[in-house]
Each structure stands twice: as C-alpha cells, then as structure tokens.
PDB file of all heavy atoms in Angstrom:
ATOM      1  N   GLU A   1     265.502 103.152 204.440  1.00  0.00           N
ATOM      2  CA  GLU A   1     265.749 104.480 204.016  1.00  0.00           C
ATOM      3  C   GLU A   1     265.347 104.674 202.540  1.00  0.00           C
ATOM      4  O   GLU A   1     265.369 103.686 201.782  1.00  0.00           O
ATOM      5  CB  GLU A   1     267.244 104.865 204.199  1.00  0.00           C
ATOM      6  CG  GLU A   1     267.703 104.987 205.589  1.00  0.00           C
ATOM      7  CD  GLU A   1     266.976 106.023 206.400  1.00  0.00           C
ATOM      8  OE1 GLU A   1     266.906 107.177 205.940  1.00  0.00           O
ATOM      9  OE2 GLU A   1     266.465 105.692 207.502  1.00  0.00           O
ATOM     10  N   PRO A   2     265.080 105.876 202.108  1.00  0.00           N
ATOM     11  CA  PRO A   2     264.828 106.107 200.645  1.00  0.00           C
ATOM     12  C   PRO A   2     266.195 105.991 199.928  1.00  0.00           C
ATOM     13  O   PRO A   2     267.147 106.632 200.331  1.00  0.00           O
ATOM     14  CB  PRO A   2     264.246 107.522 200.577  1.00  0.00           C
ATOM     15  CG  PRO A   2     264.543 108.164 201.850  1.00  0.00           C
ATOM     16  CD  PRO A   2     264.817 107.098 202.865  1.00  0.00           C
ATOM     17  N   TRP A   3     266.254 105.185 198.863  1.00  0.00           N
ATOM     18  CA  TRP A   3     267.430 104.904 198.123  1.00  0.00           C
ATOM     19  C   TRP A   3     267.356 105.503 196.667  1.00  0.00           C
ATOM     20  O   TRP A   3     266.256 105.497 196.123  1.00  0.00           O
ATOM     21  CB  TRP A   3     267.661 103.431 197.991  1.00  0.00           C
ATOM     22  CG  TRP A   3     268.248 102.760 199.180  1.00  0.00           C
ATOM     23  CD1 TRP A   3     267.626 102.247 200.285  1.00  0.00           C
ATOM     24  CD2 TRP A   3     269.621 102.459 199.395  1.00  0.00           C
ATOM     25  NE1 TRP A   3     268.506 101.696 201.145  1.00  0.00           N
ATOM     26  CE2 TRP A   3     269.770 101.809 200.658  1.00  0.00           C
ATOM     27  CE3 TRP A   3     270.808 102.733 198.640  1.00  0.00           C
ATOM     28  CZ2 TRP A   3     270.996 101.412 201.158  1.00  0.00           C
ATOM     29  CZ3 TRP A   3     272.047 102.320 199.171  1.00  0.00           C
ATOM     30  CH2 TRP A   3     272.117 101.670 200.402  1.00  0.00           C
ATOM     31  N   SER A   4     268.484 105.822 196.154  1.00  0.00           N
ATOM     32  CA  SER A   4     268.609 106.136 194.701  1.00  0.00           C
ATOM     33  C   SER A   4     269.663 105.122 194.185  1.00  0.00           C
ATOM     34  O   SER A   4     270.749 105.133 194.674  1.00  0.00           O
ATOM     35  CB  SER A   4     269.020 107.536 194.485  1.00  0.00           C
ATOM     36  OG  SER A   4     269.027 107.831 193.138  1.00  0.00           O
ATOM     37  N   MET A   5     269.223 104.270 193.288  1.00  0.00           N
ATOM     38  CA  MET A   5     270.084 103.172 192.820  1.00  0.00           C
ATOM     39  C   MET A   5     270.167 103.077 191.289  1.00  0.00           C
ATOM     40  O   MET A   5     269.268 103.568 190.581  1.00  0.00           O
ATOM     41  CB  MET A   5     269.519 101.835 193.372  1.00  0.00           C
ATOM     42  CG  MET A   5     269.556 101.704 194.807  1.00  0.00           C
ATOM     43  SD  MET A   5     269.065  99.988 195.234  1.00  0.00           S
ATOM     44  CE  MET A   5     269.473  99.979 196.937  1.00  0.00           C
ATOM     45  N   PRO A   6     271.218 102.397 190.843  1.00  0.00           N
ATOM     46  CA  PRO A   6     271.333 102.113 189.395  1.00  0.00           C
ATOM     47  C   PRO A   6     270.165 101.186 188.972  1.00  0.00           C
ATOM     48  O   PRO A   6     269.667 100.428 189.789  1.00  0.00           O
ATOM     49  CB  PRO A   6     272.672 101.504 189.224  1.00  0.00           C
ATOM     50  CG  PRO A   6     273.167 101.156 190.583  1.00  0.00           C
ATOM     51  CD  PRO A   6     272.310 101.832 191.557  1.00  0.00           C
ATOM     52  N   MET A   7     269.831 101.307 187.698  1.00  0.00           N
ATOM     53  CA  MET A   7     268.727 100.445 187.180  1.00  0.00           C
ATOM     54  C   MET A   7     269.075  98.960 187.404  1.00  0.00           C
ATOM     55  O   MET A   7     270.221  98.576 187.284  1.00  0.00           O
ATOM     56  CB  MET A   7     268.582 100.677 185.692  1.00  0.00           C
ATOM     57  CG  MET A   7     268.134 102.136 185.344  1.00  0.00           C
ATOM     58  SD  MET A   7     266.547 102.555 185.984  1.00  0.00           S
ATOM     59  CE  MET A   7     265.487 101.549 184.964  1.00  0.00           C
ATOM     60  N   PRO A   8     268.071  98.148 187.810  1.00  0.00           N
ATOM     61  CA  PRO A   8     268.336  96.772 188.112  1.00  0.00           C
ATOM     62  C   PRO A   8     268.853  95.936 186.949  1.00  0.00           C
ATOM     63  O   PRO A   8     269.547  94.943 187.175  1.00  0.00           O
ATOM     64  CB  PRO A   8     266.995  96.243 188.621  1.00  0.00           C
ATOM     65  CG  PRO A   8     266.019  97.328 188.494  1.00  0.00           C
ATOM     66  CD  PRO A   8     266.691  98.557 188.011  1.00  0.00           C
ATOM     67  N   ASP A   9     268.549  96.352 185.718  1.00  0.00           N
ATOM     68  CA  ASP A   9     269.014  95.571 184.572  1.00  0.00           C
ATOM     69  C   ASP A   9     270.436  95.932 184.110  1.00  0.00           C
ATOM     70  O   ASP A   9     270.928  95.470 183.073  1.00  0.00           O
ATOM     71  CB  ASP A   9     268.056  95.676 183.411  1.00  0.00           C
ATOM     72  CG  ASP A   9     267.888  97.118 182.870  1.00  0.00           C
ATOM     73  OD1 ASP A   9     268.326  98.052 183.542  1.00  0.00           O
ATOM     74  OD2 ASP A   9     267.295  97.230 181.774  1.00  0.00           O
ATOM     75  N   THR A  10     271.126  96.790 184.872  1.00  0.00           N
ATOM     76  CA  THR A  10     272.543  97.104 184.620  1.00  0.00           C
ATOM     77  C   THR A  10     273.478  96.194 185.398  1.00  0.00           C
ATOM     78  O   THR A  10     273.041  95.569 186.378  1.00  0.00           O
ATOM     79  CB  THR A  10     272.826  98.615 184.937  1.00  0.00           C
ATOM     80  OG1 THR A  10     272.715  98.783 186.340  1.00  0.00           O
ATOM     81  CG2 THR A  10     271.947  99.526 184.189  1.00  0.00           C
ATOM     82  N   LEU A  11     274.719  96.145 185.024  1.00  0.00           N
ATOM     83  CA  LEU A  11     275.673  95.340 185.720  1.00  0.00           C
ATOM     84  C   LEU A  11     275.798  95.797 187.179  1.00  0.00           C
ATOM     85  O   LEU A  11     275.750  94.953 188.104  1.00  0.00           O
ATOM     86  CB  LEU A  11     277.006  95.361 185.012  1.00  0.00           C
ATOM     87  CG  LEU A  11     278.119  94.444 185.594  1.00  0.00           C
ATOM     88  CD1 LEU A  11     277.636  93.020 185.710  1.00  0.00           C
ATOM     89  CD2 LEU A  11     279.329  94.564 184.762  1.00  0.00           C
ATOM     90  N   VAL A  12     275.969  97.072 187.411  1.00  0.00           N
ATOM     91  CA  VAL A  12     276.072  97.561 188.776  1.00  0.00           C
ATOM     92  C   VAL A  12     274.781  97.348 189.556  1.00  0.00           C
ATOM     93  O   VAL A  12     274.783  96.970 190.754  1.00  0.00           O
ATOM     94  CB  VAL A  12     276.518  99.050 188.800  1.00  0.00           C
ATOM     95  CG1 VAL A  12     276.507  99.593 190.205  1.00  0.00           C
ATOM     96  CG2 VAL A  12     277.859  99.237 188.199  1.00  0.00           C
ATOM     97  N   GLY A  13     273.665  97.537 188.920  1.00  0.00           N
ATOM     98  CA  GLY A  13     272.371  97.283 189.527  1.00  0.00           C
ATOM     99  C   GLY A  13     272.246  95.860 190.024  1.00  0.00           C
ATOM    100  O   GLY A  13     271.718  95.576 191.118  1.00  0.00           O
ATOM    101  N   SER A  14     272.700  94.907 189.215  1.00  0.00           N
ATOM    102  CA  SER A  14     272.627  93.489 189.609  1.00  0.00           C
ATOM    103  C   SER A  14     273.577  93.174 190.761  1.00  0.00           C
ATOM    104  O   SER A  14     273.274  92.423 191.626  1.00  0.00           O
ATOM    105  CB  SER A  14     272.892  92.575 188.415  1.00  0.00           C
ATOM    106  OG  SER A  14     274.211  92.678 188.005  1.00  0.00           O
ATOM    107  N   LEU A  15     274.724  93.844 190.794  1.00  0.00           N
ATOM    108  CA  LEU A  15     275.656  93.660 191.910  1.00  0.00           C
ATOM    109  C   LEU A  15     275.081  94.220 193.224  1.00  0.00           C
ATOM    110  O   LEU A  15     275.190  93.586 194.303  1.00  0.00           O
ATOM    111  CB  LEU A  15     276.977  94.403 191.669  1.00  0.00           C
ATOM    112  CG  LEU A  15     277.848  93.802 190.542  1.00  0.00           C
ATOM    113  CD1 LEU A  15     279.052  94.774 190.234  1.00  0.00           C
ATOM    114  CD2 LEU A  15     278.352  92.457 190.896  1.00  0.00           C
ATOM    115  N   VAL A  16     274.368  95.330 193.159  1.00  0.00           N
ATOM    116  CA  VAL A  16     273.749  95.932 194.301  1.00  0.00           C
ATOM    117  C   VAL A  16     272.605  94.971 194.782  1.00  0.00           C
ATOM    118  O   VAL A  16     272.467  94.740 195.996  1.00  0.00           O
ATOM    119  CB  VAL A  16     273.246  97.308 194.031  1.00  0.00           C
ATOM    120  CG1 VAL A  16     272.369  97.877 195.172  1.00  0.00           C
ATOM    121  CG2 VAL A  16     274.403  98.288 193.724  1.00  0.00           C
ATOM    122  N   ALA A  17     271.851  94.473 193.844  1.00  0.00           N
ATOM    123  CA  ALA A  17     270.732  93.561 194.244  1.00  0.00           C
ATOM    124  C   ALA A  17     271.325  92.305 194.916  1.00  0.00           C
ATOM    125  O   ALA A  17     270.795  91.888 195.961  1.00  0.00           O
ATOM    126  CB  ALA A  17     269.962  93.119 192.985  1.00  0.00           C
ATOM    127  N   ASP A  18     272.421  91.782 194.373  1.00  0.00           N
ATOM    128  CA  ASP A  18     273.043  90.642 195.042  1.00  0.00           C
ATOM    129  C   ASP A  18     273.576  90.962 196.407  1.00  0.00           C
ATOM    130  O   ASP A  18     273.450  90.124 197.345  1.00  0.00           O
ATOM    131  CB  ASP A  18     274.241  90.118 194.191  1.00  0.00           C
ATOM    132  CG  ASP A  18     273.779  89.487 192.855  1.00  0.00           C
ATOM    133  OD1 ASP A  18     272.572  89.198 192.726  1.00  0.00           O
ATOM    134  OD2 ASP A  18     274.631  89.303 191.977  1.00  0.00           O
ATOM    135  N   ALA A  19     274.056  92.171 196.611  1.00  0.00           N
ATOM    136  CA  ALA A  19     274.585  92.596 197.903  1.00  0.00           C
ATOM    137  C   ALA A  19     273.420  92.643 198.910  1.00  0.00           C
ATOM    138  O   ALA A  19     273.605  92.195 200.070  1.00  0.00           O
ATOM    139  CB  ALA A  19     275.271  93.934 197.770  1.00  0.00           C
ATOM    140  N   PHE A  20     272.297  93.177 198.554  1.00  0.00           N
ATOM    141  CA  PHE A  20     271.139  93.237 199.448  1.00  0.00           C
ATOM    142  C   PHE A  20     270.704  91.838 199.803  1.00  0.00           C
ATOM    143  O   PHE A  20     270.466  91.539 200.971  1.00  0.00           O
ATOM    144  CB  PHE A  20     269.985  94.056 198.800  1.00  0.00           C
ATOM    145  CG  PHE A  20     269.993  95.453 199.140  1.00  0.00           C
ATOM    146  CD1 PHE A  20     270.922  96.343 198.611  1.00  0.00           C
ATOM    147  CD2 PHE A  20     269.107  95.991 200.072  1.00  0.00           C
ATOM    148  CE1 PHE A  20     270.960  97.691 198.898  1.00  0.00           C
ATOM    149  CE2 PHE A  20     269.114  97.333 200.412  1.00  0.00           C
ATOM    150  CZ  PHE A  20     270.016  98.184 199.845  1.00  0.00           C
ATOM    151  N   ARG A  21     270.570  90.999 198.795  1.00  0.00           N
ATOM    152  CA  ARG A  21     270.073  89.641 199.051  1.00  0.00           C
ATOM    153  C   ARG A  21     271.053  88.852 199.899  1.00  0.00           C
ATOM    154  O   ARG A  21     270.661  88.054 200.768  1.00  0.00           O
ATOM    155  CB  ARG A  21     269.790  88.942 197.740  1.00  0.00           C
ATOM    156  CG  ARG A  21     268.632  89.534 197.012  1.00  0.00           C
ATOM    157  CD  ARG A  21     268.308  88.802 195.677  1.00  0.00           C
ATOM    158  NE  ARG A  21     267.305  89.531 194.954  1.00  0.00           N
ATOM    159  CZ  ARG A  21     267.463  90.072 193.762  1.00  0.00           C
ATOM    160  NH1 ARG A  21     268.615  89.926 193.104  1.00  0.00           N
ATOM    161  NH2 ARG A  21     266.500  90.717 193.180  1.00  0.00           N
ATOM    162  N   ALA A  22     272.364  89.036 199.677  1.00  0.00           N
ATOM    163  CA  ALA A  22     273.408  88.362 200.464  1.00  0.00           C
ATOM    164  C   ALA A  22     273.304  88.778 201.932  1.00  0.00           C
ATOM    165  O   ALA A  22     273.636  87.989 202.828  1.00  0.00           O
ATOM    166  CB  ALA A  22     274.802  88.663 199.948  1.00  0.00           C
ATOM    167  N   GLY A  23     272.876  89.975 202.210  1.00  0.00           N
ATOM    168  CA  GLY A  23     272.674  90.444 203.569  1.00  0.00           C
ATOM    169  C   GLY A  23     271.336  90.096 204.140  1.00  0.00           C
ATOM    170  O   GLY A  23     271.011  90.539 205.223  1.00  0.00           O
ATOM    171  N   GLY A  24     270.565  89.295 203.437  1.00  0.00           N
ATOM    172  CA  GLY A  24     269.230  88.865 203.844  1.00  0.00           C
ATOM    173  C   GLY A  24     268.206  89.978 203.798  1.00  0.00           C
ATOM    174  O   GLY A  24     267.213  89.945 204.527  1.00  0.00           O
ATOM    175  N   LEU A  25     268.448  90.964 202.961  1.00  0.00           N
ATOM    176  CA  LEU A  25     267.574  92.133 202.864  1.00  0.00           C
ATOM    177  C   LEU A  25     266.680  92.062 201.640  1.00  0.00           C
ATOM    178  O   LEU A  25     267.074  91.494 200.618  1.00  0.00           O
ATOM    179  CB  LEU A  25     268.414  93.415 202.815  1.00  0.00           C
ATOM    180  CG  LEU A  25     269.363  93.642 203.976  1.00  0.00           C
ATOM    181  CD1 LEU A  25     270.258  94.807 203.739  1.00  0.00           C
ATOM    182  CD2 LEU A  25     268.533  93.822 205.264  1.00  0.00           C
ATOM    183  N   LYS A  26     265.536  92.683 201.760  1.00  0.00           N
ATOM    184  CA  LYS A  26     264.623  92.771 200.637  1.00  0.00           C
ATOM    185  C   LYS A  26     265.172  93.638 199.512  1.00  0.00           C
ATOM    186  O   LYS A  26     265.689  94.717 199.814  1.00  0.00           O
ATOM    187  CB  LYS A  26     263.263  93.269 201.124  1.00  0.00           C
ATOM    188  CG  LYS A  26     262.224  93.358 200.041  1.00  0.00           C
ATOM    189  CD  LYS A  26     260.909  93.987 200.584  1.00  0.00           C
ATOM    190  CE  LYS A  26     259.973  94.075 199.438  1.00  0.00           C
ATOM    191  NZ  LYS A  26     259.143  95.219 199.539  1.00  0.00           N
ATOM    192  N   TYR A  27     265.018  93.226 198.278  1.00  0.00           N
ATOM    193  CA  TYR A  27     265.416  94.034 197.152  1.00  0.00           C
ATOM    194  C   TYR A  27     264.310  94.009 196.111  1.00  0.00           C
ATOM    195  O   TYR A  27     263.817  92.945 195.812  1.00  0.00           O
ATOM    196  CB  TYR A  27     266.744  93.515 196.504  1.00  0.00           C
ATOM    197  CG  TYR A  27     267.173  94.413 195.396  1.00  0.00           C
ATOM    198  CD1 TYR A  27     267.953  95.533 195.662  1.00  0.00           C
ATOM    199  CD2 TYR A  27     266.763  94.200 194.110  1.00  0.00           C
ATOM    200  CE1 TYR A  27     268.316  96.405 194.667  1.00  0.00           C
ATOM    201  CE2 TYR A  27     267.183  95.045 193.043  1.00  0.00           C
ATOM    202  CZ  TYR A  27     267.943  96.138 193.408  1.00  0.00           C
ATOM    203  OH  TYR A  27     268.313  96.998 192.362  1.00  0.00           O
ATOM    204  N   PRO A  28     263.964  95.125 195.569  1.00  0.00           N
ATOM    205  CA  PRO A  28     264.448  96.471 195.907  1.00  0.00           C
ATOM    206  C   PRO A  28     263.912  96.924 197.226  1.00  0.00           C
ATOM    207  O   PRO A  28     262.809  96.545 197.619  1.00  0.00           O
ATOM    208  CB  PRO A  28     263.933  97.352 194.761  1.00  0.00           C
ATOM    209  CG  PRO A  28     262.741  96.662 194.265  1.00  0.00           C
ATOM    210  CD  PRO A  28     262.957  95.185 194.480  1.00  0.00           C
ATOM    211  N   PRO A  29     264.672  97.794 197.925  1.00  0.00           N
ATOM    212  CA  PRO A  29     264.199  98.296 199.196  1.00  0.00           C
ATOM    213  C   PRO A  29     262.996  99.286 198.981  1.00  0.00           C
ATOM    214  O   PRO A  29     262.812  99.757 197.851  1.00  0.00           O
ATOM    215  CB  PRO A  29     265.355  99.043 199.786  1.00  0.00           C
ATOM    216  CG  PRO A  29     266.242  99.294 198.651  1.00  0.00           C
ATOM    217  CD  PRO A  29     265.994  98.256 197.592  1.00  0.00           C
ATOM    218  N   LYS A  30     262.229  99.441 200.037  1.00  0.00           N
ATOM    219  CA  LYS A  30     261.115 100.345 200.018  1.00  0.00           C
ATOM    220  C   LYS A  30     261.584 101.767 199.702  1.00  0.00           C
ATOM    221  O   LYS A  30     262.619 102.185 200.187  1.00  0.00           O
ATOM    222  CB  LYS A  30     260.397 100.291 201.364  1.00  0.00           C
ATOM    223  CG  LYS A  30     259.211 101.228 201.507  1.00  0.00           C
ATOM    224  CD  LYS A  30     258.572 101.097 202.849  1.00  0.00           C
ATOM    225  CE  LYS A  30     259.390 101.893 203.845  1.00  0.00           C
ATOM    226  NZ  LYS A  30     258.850 101.928 205.142  1.00  0.00           N
TER     227      LYS A  30
END
C-alpha cells in the first residue's frame, strides 16, 4: 500500500523500520 511515514533518521522512523524488518518485510515499502 502507499504509506506515509516518519523520516527514517528519526527515532520513530527507526522503530517503524525495525518493525517492518522484524515482520520479514521490505523497508522502505514501495
């Protein structure tokens, strides 16, 4: 899906990236 996310270099952005990777998903999503 199209996502709107916090910047990857922010604390929340890094938590979201970790969540995607922990689920075996590509980050950043398409």
